[in-house]
């Protein structure tokens, strides 16, 4: 079976719909209630925290021996964007269990079908998901901490 590829989905409406149907059939995308306001609250929460860290980082954390935290700031900004994407799904009364399915939904419903987003907007989310840049070690580390990461990143609660 071919692999999902968001770059192809942008160009090919039928290919995007093909994968959308697979994600729905497998339950990766499923009907839900509209909780978009909760996802947007989580987005704002993440942005506020990332901005605070960025501001403190520029003044140098004295207690951390002038360590910088741009990698974590980038991660927090990414998840702010991702939660915004989940809010868009939720507005259409769907929820997603994967980044790929989220992208597929956004491309199909917001770019191809309703033309509410530019493809550049979707590329902002998609560019952070490039598996090509991850090493085997990176994937193993992510896998080892998957349960805690998913709770912290995808749950709309603040833990």
Foldseek 3Di string as FASTA:
>chain_A
DDDDDLVVVLVDLVSLVVVLVVCDVVVQKHFAAQPLVLLLVLLVVLVVVLVVLVVCLVVADPVVVRDHDVVVSVVSNLLSLVSNLQNVQSVVRMGGNDLSSSLSCCSNVCCVNVNVDDVVSSVVNVVVVPPVPDDPVNVVVCVVCVVVCCCCRPPSDND
